[in-house]
């Protein structure tokens, strides 16, 4: 359950899905509305969903502590995705741990100052992010690093993997670009390059941290292949990335920790905006209702679009694919490219 608790943020990142701004947008959920939303999650029964509080910057909500404590009291685990700004103080981290937050994610979009700060738009932000990773680890958080992969930073992925291991991050979540929000100005990789990145990410998952993808569900097909001993296509980009990984980290150190669950937009994932609108995912801008006057449980379980997604009723090659349940394609990218959320994902090179 991803909840964009506010669109207010002190950053202006080049790829921001939310198109965040310095102040909250009109109509954001009040404290009382937010508490009722959290209460409504109990109707999912067990296991309770994990509530991932994102933004904007969740730390810009003055009632964040009250909301996190309320969720914990209702048996709802909370993960947090704060921005690296002066609000992310050690005192705040102590409070978050005391309130019961165990997992926190930060964004690192390159292994160099120039690459990361070009995307983040803030001088000094690379060093601040590395420091924030170290402080989160020191305070006992399970740290997830989020990286958006584009043509501008793809060659730095092996060095990003090194940073993860050197600084004790536990999870690497790699976002495959979807042209929404401010991300429309960035350069997506082509299908064959995406395949190479997925092959590389399987290699990276053998260095002690979990690797998973967002809007790159074809990674699960590659993981299935590699687990079954099937090599699959590997192009020139993969060869460079694989060589760079060994150069940065040496030989693999553990069995693969690649994510294999078949969750995706509308299937195990649902997104609530700062104003309460319900979407299949943060990158799929089709409003299904609003938590102010609709049951999030009823929408998730019974909305016709979500039911069709979970039934893998896709068009094009996604509908013919033997991996349509495990992978299913990015519904967000299909919608962005074709206007049909059930269409085929143009970022995948696999031919069923």
Protein backbone atom coordinates (compact mmCIF):
# COMPACT_ATOMS: atom_id res chain seq x y z
CA UNK A 1 0.00 0.00 0.00
CA UNK A 2 1.92 2.99 -1.29
CA UNK A 3 0.65 6.26 0.16
CA UNK A 4 1.92 9.55 -1.23
CA UNK A 5 1.32 11.31 2.09
CA UNK A 6 2.16 14.75 0.67
CA UNK A 7 3.50 16.27 -2.51
CA UNK A 8 5.51 18.80 -0.53
CA UNK A 9 9.27 18.28 -0.88
CA UNK A 10 12.44 20.35 -0.63
CA UNK A 11 13.88 18.73 -3.77
CA UNK A 12 13.04 19.15 -7.47
CA UNK A 13 14.20 15.85 -8.96
CA UNK A 14 14.33 15.56 -12.74
CA UNK A 15 12.36 12.28 -12.81
CA UNK A 16 9.79 12.97 -10.06
CA UNK A 17 6.59 11.02 -10.64
CA UNK A 18 4.69 13.25 -8.21
CA UNK A 19 5.99 16.52 -9.66
CA UNK A 20 6.61 17.52 -6.05
CA UNK A 21 6.61 21.15 -4.97
CA UNK A 22 7.74 23.16 -1.92
CA UNK A 23 4.30 23.18 -0.25
CA UNK A 24 1.37 20.73 0.05
CA UNK A 25 -1.23 20.73 -2.72
CA UNK A 26 -4.82 21.72 -1.88
CA UNK A 27 -7.00 18.88 -0.64
CA UNK A 28 -4.31 16.65 0.85
CA UNK A 29 -5.68 14.23 3.43
CA UNK A 30 -6.06 15.83 6.85
CA UNK A 31 -4.85 14.09 10.00
CA UNK A 32 -8.35 12.76 10.74
CA UNK A 33 -8.83 11.56 7.15
CA UNK A 34 -5.40 9.92 7.24
CA UNK A 35 -6.20 8.13 10.51
CA UNK A 36 -9.45 6.82 9.03
CA UNK A 37 -7.58 5.64 5.95
CA UNK A 38 -5.13 3.73 8.16
CA UNK A 39 -8.05 2.27 10.12
CA UNK A 40 -9.62 1.04 6.87
CA UNK A 41 -6.59 -1.13 6.12
CA UNK A 42 -7.64 -3.50 8.92
CA UNK A 43 -10.49 -4.71 6.69
CA UNK A 44 -7.93 -6.52 4.52
CA UNK A 45 -7.55 -8.84 7.54
CA UNK A 46 -4.40 -10.93 7.86
CA UNK A 47 -1.82 -10.58 6.59
CA UNK A 48 -2.16 -6.81 6.88
CA UNK A 49 -0.75 -4.80 4.00
CA UNK A 50 2.57 -3.03 4.43
CA UNK A 51 2.00 0.73 4.38
CA UNK A 52 4.82 2.48 2.50
CA UNK A 53 4.62 6.20 3.28
CA UNK A 54 6.15 8.21 0.44
CA UNK A 55 5.87 11.72 -0.96
CA UNK A 56 7.01 14.31 -1.89
CA UNK A 57 8.78 14.07 1.42
CA UNK A 58 6.83 12.35 4.18
CA UNK A 59 8.93 14.21 6.75
CA UNK A 60 7.13 17.41 5.73
CA UNK A 61 3.93 16.11 7.32
CA UNK A 62 3.85 17.52 10.88
CA UNK A 63 1.58 14.65 11.97
CA UNK A 64 3.84 11.86 10.68
CA UNK A 65 4.58 10.51 14.15
CA UNK A 66 0.91 10.30 15.08
CA UNK A 67 0.13 8.44 11.86
CA UNK A 68 2.97 5.94 12.22
CA UNK A 69 2.12 5.21 15.86
CA UNK A 70 -1.55 4.76 14.92
CA UNK A 71 -0.63 2.32 12.16
CA UNK A 72 1.54 0.28 14.50
CA UNK A 73 -1.27 0.15 17.07
CA UNK A 74 -3.52 -1.28 14.33
CA UNK A 75 -1.01 -3.96 13.37
CA UNK A 76 0.01 -2.27 10.11
CA UNK A 77 3.74 -2.30 9.42
CA UNK A 78 5.10 0.99 8.10
CA UNK A 79 8.05 1.61 5.79
CA UNK A 80 9.17 5.14 5.00
CA UNK A 81 10.61 6.77 1.88
CA UNK A 82 11.97 10.14 3.07
CA UNK A 83 13.90 12.64 0.99
CA UNK A 84 17.47 13.52 1.85
CA UNK A 85 17.03 17.06 3.12
CA UNK A 86 17.94 18.89 6.36
CA UNK A 87 14.76 17.39 7.87
CA UNK A 88 16.41 13.94 7.96
CA UNK A 89 18.18 14.51 11.26
CA UNK A 90 19.54 11.96 13.73
CA UNK A 91 16.88 13.08 16.19
CA UNK A 92 14.20 12.32 13.63
CA UNK A 93 15.69 8.92 12.94
CA UNK A 94 15.66 8.07 16.65
CA UNK A 95 11.97 9.01 16.78
CA UNK A 96 11.10 6.95 13.69
CA UNK A 97 12.75 3.86 15.15
CA UNK A 98 10.95 4.43 18.46
CA UNK A 99 7.65 4.69 16.58
CA UNK A 100 8.29 1.28 15.00
CA UNK A 101 9.59 2.08 11.50
CA UNK A 102 12.09 -0.62 10.54
CA UNK A 103 12.57 -0.10 6.79
CA UNK A 104 13.52 3.15 5.06
CA UNK A 105 14.41 3.83 1.44
CA UNK A 106 16.59 6.51 -0.08
CA UNK A 107 17.25 7.37 -3.71
CA UNK A 108 20.70 7.13 -5.25
CA UNK A 109 20.68 7.73 -8.99
CA UNK A 110 24.35 7.46 -9.82
CA UNK A 111 27.75 6.61 -8.42
CA UNK A 112 29.19 10.05 -9.14
CA UNK A 113 28.45 13.52 -7.89
CA UNK A 114 27.63 14.86 -11.34
CA UNK A 115 25.20 12.09 -12.32
CA UNK A 116 23.27 12.00 -9.05
CA UNK A 117 23.11 15.75 -8.58
CA UNK A 118 22.07 16.39 -12.18
CA UNK A 119 18.99 14.25 -11.47
CA UNK A 120 18.39 15.62 -7.96
CA UNK A 121 19.01 19.28 -8.70
CA UNK A 122 20.72 20.06 -5.38
CA UNK A 123 24.50 20.74 -5.02
CA UNK A 124 26.05 18.60 -2.31
CA UNK A 125 23.22 16.07 -2.42
CA UNK A 126 25.41 13.08 -3.34
CA UNK A 127 27.55 13.38 -0.22
CA UNK A 128 24.43 14.05 1.88
CA UNK A 129 22.83 10.86 0.51
CA UNK A 130 25.86 8.70 1.32
CA UNK A 131 25.90 10.19 4.82
CA UNK A 132 22.16 9.52 5.20
CA UNK A 133 22.64 5.86 4.19
CA UNK A 134 25.32 5.47 6.85
CA UNK A 135 23.17 7.13 9.50
CA UNK A 136 20.13 4.99 8.69
CA UNK A 137 22.24 1.84 8.98
CA UNK A 138 23.75 3.08 12.26
CA UNK A 139 20.26 3.67 13.68
CA UNK A 140 19.26 0.09 12.87
CA UNK A 141 17.07 0.58 9.79
CA UNK A 142 16.85 -1.95 7.00
CA UNK A 143 17.98 0.34 4.19
CA UNK A 144 16.65 0.15 0.65
CA UNK A 145 18.33 2.11 -2.15
CA UNK A 146 16.13 3.20 -5.06
CA UNK A 147 17.78 3.86 -8.43
CA UNK A 148 16.05 5.07 -11.58
CA UNK A 149 17.90 3.68 -14.59
CA UNK A 150 18.24 5.87 -17.70
CA UNK A 151 20.70 6.26 -20.56
CA UNK A 152 22.51 8.87 -18.47
CA UNK A 153 23.36 6.59 -15.55
CA UNK A 154 23.16 2.99 -16.78
CA UNK A 155 26.94 2.60 -17.12
CA UNK A 156 27.34 3.52 -13.43
CA UNK A 157 25.16 0.67 -12.13
CA UNK A 158 28.14 -1.54 -11.15
CA UNK A 159 29.58 1.29 -9.05
CA UNK A 160 26.17 1.90 -7.45
CA UNK A 161 26.16 -1.79 -6.49
CA UNK A 162 29.54 -1.30 -4.83
CA UNK A 163 28.20 1.64 -2.83
CA UNK A 164 25.30 -0.49 -1.62
CA UNK A 165 27.57 -3.22 -0.34
CA UNK A 166 30.19 -0.89 1.13
CA UNK A 167 27.60 1.08 3.08
CA UNK A 168 25.48 -1.82 4.31
CA UNK A 169 22.27 -1.38 2.32
CA UNK A 170 20.03 -4.46 2.32
CA UNK A 171 17.82 -3.91 -0.75
CA UNK A 172 18.39 -2.43 -4.22
CA UNK A 173 15.18 -1.42 -5.99
CA UNK A 174 15.79 -0.41 -9.59
CA UNK A 175 13.12 1.69 -11.31
CA UNK A 176 12.68 1.31 -15.07
CA UNK A 177 11.58 4.68 -16.39
CA UNK A 178 7.95 5.35 -17.28
CA UNK A 179 7.20 8.63 -19.03
CA UNK A 180 4.98 10.29 -16.42
CA UNK A 181 5.49 13.37 -14.26
CA UNK A 182 8.83 15.06 -14.83
CA UNK A 183 10.25 11.75 -16.10
CA UNK A 184 8.91 12.51 -19.59
CA UNK A 185 12.04 14.56 -20.30
CA UNK A 186 14.42 11.65 -19.64
CA UNK A 187 15.81 8.98 -21.92
CA UNK A 188 14.44 5.46 -21.56
CA UNK A 189 16.49 2.43 -22.46
CA UNK A 190 15.41 0.29 -25.40
CA UNK A 191 14.01 -3.24 -24.98
CA UNK A 192 17.31 -5.02 -25.66
CA UNK A 193 19.10 -2.72 -23.22
CA UNK A 194 16.44 -3.42 -20.59
CA UNK A 195 17.10 -7.12 -21.09
CA UNK A 196 20.81 -6.54 -20.55
CA UNK A 197 20.12 -4.57 -17.37
CA UNK A 198 17.90 -7.39 -16.06
CA UNK A 199 20.65 -9.92 -16.73
CA UNK A 200 23.11 -7.66 -14.91
CA UNK A 201 20.75 -7.24 -11.95
CA UNK A 202 20.59 -11.00 -11.53
CA UNK A 203 24.39 -10.99 -11.30
CA UNK A 204 24.23 -8.13 -8.77
CA UNK A 205 21.80 -10.12 -6.62
CA UNK A 206 24.67 -12.50 -5.80
CA UNK A 207 26.49 -9.97 -3.60
CA UNK A 208 24.42 -10.13 -0.42
CA UNK A 209 21.60 -7.66 -1.01
CA UNK A 210 18.08 -8.20 -2.33
CA UNK A 211 17.49 -6.92 -5.86
CA UNK A 212 14.04 -6.09 -7.22
CA UNK A 213 12.58 -3.85 -9.89
CA UNK A 214 9.77 -1.32 -10.28
CA UNK A 215 8.05 -1.15 -13.69
CA UNK A 216 10.55 -3.72 -14.89
CA UNK A 217 8.65 -6.97 -14.30
CA UNK A 218 10.54 -8.71 -17.11
CA UNK A 219 13.30 -9.09 -14.52
CA UNK A 220 11.31 -11.96 -12.99
CA UNK A 221 11.39 -13.84 -16.29
CA UNK A 222 15.16 -13.41 -16.40
CA UNK A 223 15.44 -14.60 -12.79
CA UNK A 224 13.34 -17.67 -13.64
CA UNK A 225 15.57 -18.39 -16.63
CA UNK A 226 18.80 -17.97 -14.72
CA UNK A 227 17.51 -20.09 -11.82
CA UNK A 228 16.62 -22.82 -14.30
CA UNK A 229 20.01 -22.61 -15.97
CA UNK A 230 18.77 -20.82 -19.09
CA UNK A 231 21.25 -18.15 -20.18
CA UNK A 232 18.98 -15.93 -22.27
CA UNK A 233 20.16 -13.11 -24.56
CA UNK A 234 23.05 -10.95 -23.36
CA UNK A 235 24.21 -8.00 -25.42
CA UNK A 236 27.08 -5.55 -25.37
CA UNK A 237 25.63 -3.46 -22.54
CA UNK A 238 25.40 -6.55 -20.34
CA UNK A 239 28.99 -7.47 -21.11
CA UNK A 240 30.19 -4.03 -19.99
CA UNK A 241 28.03 -4.02 -16.85
CA UNK A 242 29.00 -7.58 -15.88
CA UNK A 243 32.70 -6.82 -16.30
CA UNK A 244 32.27 -3.63 -14.28
CA UNK A 245 30.52 -5.52 -11.49
CA UNK A 246 33.40 -7.98 -11.12
CA UNK A 247 35.87 -5.09 -11.26
CA UNK A 248 33.99 -3.27 -8.49
CA UNK A 249 33.07 -6.20 -6.24
CA UNK A 250 35.06 -9.24 -7.30
CA UNK A 251 33.48 -12.68 -7.69
CA UNK A 252 29.90 -13.28 -6.45
CA UNK A 253 29.71 -13.88 -2.71
CA UNK A 254 26.27 -15.45 -2.11
CA UNK A 255 23.35 -17.24 -3.76
CA UNK A 256 21.03 -14.97 -5.69
CA UNK A 257 18.70 -12.78 -3.63
CA UNK A 258 16.69 -11.64 -6.65
CA UNK A 259 13.03 -10.80 -5.99
CA UNK A 260 10.72 -13.37 -7.57
CA UNK A 261 7.21 -12.43 -6.39
CA UNK A 262 4.74 -11.71 -9.20
CA UNK A 263 3.51 -8.43 -7.73
CA UNK A 264 2.94 -5.51 -10.09
CA UNK A 265 0.58 -2.61 -10.78
CA UNK A 266 -2.79 -3.62 -9.32
CA UNK A 267 -1.62 -7.11 -8.36
CA UNK A 268 -0.33 -6.93 -4.83
CA UNK A 269 0.25 -3.19 -5.20
CA UNK A 270 -2.11 -0.26 -4.93
CA UNK A 271 -1.36 3.45 -4.63
CA UNK A 272 -3.12 6.29 -2.80
CA UNK A 273 -2.32 9.89 -3.67
CA UNK A 274 -1.89 12.76 -1.24
CA UNK A 275 -5.51 13.79 -1.88
CA UNK A 276 -6.84 10.26 -1.38
CA UNK A 277 -7.27 9.16 -5.00
CA UNK A 278 -6.75 5.42 -5.53
CA UNK A 279 -4.62 4.22 -8.46
CA UNK A 280 -3.41 0.77 -9.56
CA UNK A 281 0.14 2.12 -9.11
CA UNK A 282 1.94 5.41 -8.75
CA UNK A 283 2.88 5.45 -12.42
CA UNK A 284 -0.58 4.46 -13.73
CA UNK A 285 -2.78 7.60 -13.57
CA UNK A 286 -6.22 5.99 -13.72
CA UNK A 287 -8.35 7.02 -10.74
CA UNK A 288 -10.39 4.14 -9.30
CA UNK A 289 -11.98 6.02 -6.39
CA UNK A 290 -11.02 8.07 -3.34
CA UNK A 291 -10.45 6.85 0.20
CA UNK A 292 -12.53 9.76 1.55
CA UNK A 293 -15.73 8.11 0.30
CA UNK A 294 -14.78 4.62 -0.96
CA UNK A 295 -13.50 1.47 0.71
CA UNK A 296 -9.89 0.85 -0.29
CA UNK A 297 -10.48 -2.87 0.29
CA UNK A 298 -13.53 -2.96 -1.97
CA UNK A 299 -11.75 -1.00 -4.70
CA UNK A 300 -8.69 -3.23 -4.60
CA UNK A 301 -10.64 -6.47 -4.60
CA UNK A 302 -13.49 -5.61 -6.97
CA UNK A 303 -12.53 -2.84 -9.38
CA UNK A 304 -13.00 -4.27 -12.91
CA UNK A 305 -9.62 -3.05 -14.16
CA UNK A 306 -7.75 -4.54 -11.22
CA UNK A 307 -9.59 -7.84 -11.60
CA UNK A 308 -8.61 -7.97 -15.28
CA UNK A 309 -4.99 -7.18 -14.40
CA UNK A 310 -4.93 -9.98 -11.84
CA UNK A 311 -6.47 -12.32 -14.39
CA UNK A 312 -3.70 -11.38 -16.87
CA UNK A 313 -6.25 -10.33 -19.52
CA UNK A 314 -3.67 -8.50 -21.59
CA UNK A 315 -3.51 -7.60 -25.26
CA UNK A 316 -0.64 -7.99 -27.69
CA UNK A 317 2.28 -10.22 -26.90
CA UNK A 318 1.79 -9.80 -23.12
CA UNK A 319 -1.52 -11.66 -23.48
CA UNK A 320 0.17 -14.53 -25.36
CA UNK A 321 3.20 -14.73 -23.10
CA UNK A 322 3.88 -17.80 -21.00
CA UNK A 323 5.21 -15.43 -18.30
CA UNK A 324 2.07 -13.26 -18.17
CA UNK A 325 1.35 -14.23 -14.56
CA UNK A 326 4.91 -14.06 -13.26
CA UNK A 327 5.73 -10.90 -15.22
CA UNK A 328 2.63 -9.45 -16.84
CA UNK A 329 4.42 -6.44 -18.25
CA UNK A 330 4.31 -2.91 -16.88
CA UNK A 331 0.69 -1.79 -16.97
CA UNK A 332 1.89 1.76 -16.37
CA UNK A 333 4.17 1.73 -19.40
CA UNK A 334 1.54 0.07 -21.59
CA UNK A 335 -0.87 2.88 -20.68
CA UNK A 336 1.76 5.57 -21.21
CA UNK A 337 2.66 4.17 -24.64
CA UNK A 338 -0.75 3.14 -25.97
CA UNK A 339 -3.49 4.54 -23.74
CA UNK A 340 -4.52 0.96 -22.89
CA UNK A 341 -3.51 -0.27 -19.41
CA UNK A 342 -4.05 -3.85 -20.61
CA UNK A 343 -1.89 -3.46 -23.73
CA UNK A 344 1.56 -4.88 -24.27
CA UNK A 345 4.64 -3.46 -22.59
CA UNK A 346 6.88 -1.96 -25.30
CA UNK A 347 9.97 -2.10 -23.05
CA UNK A 348 10.22 -5.90 -23.20
CA UNK A 349 12.22 -7.60 -25.96
CA UNK A 350 10.92 -11.13 -25.32
CA UNK A 351 8.80 -12.69 -28.07
CA UNK A 352 6.43 -15.36 -26.65
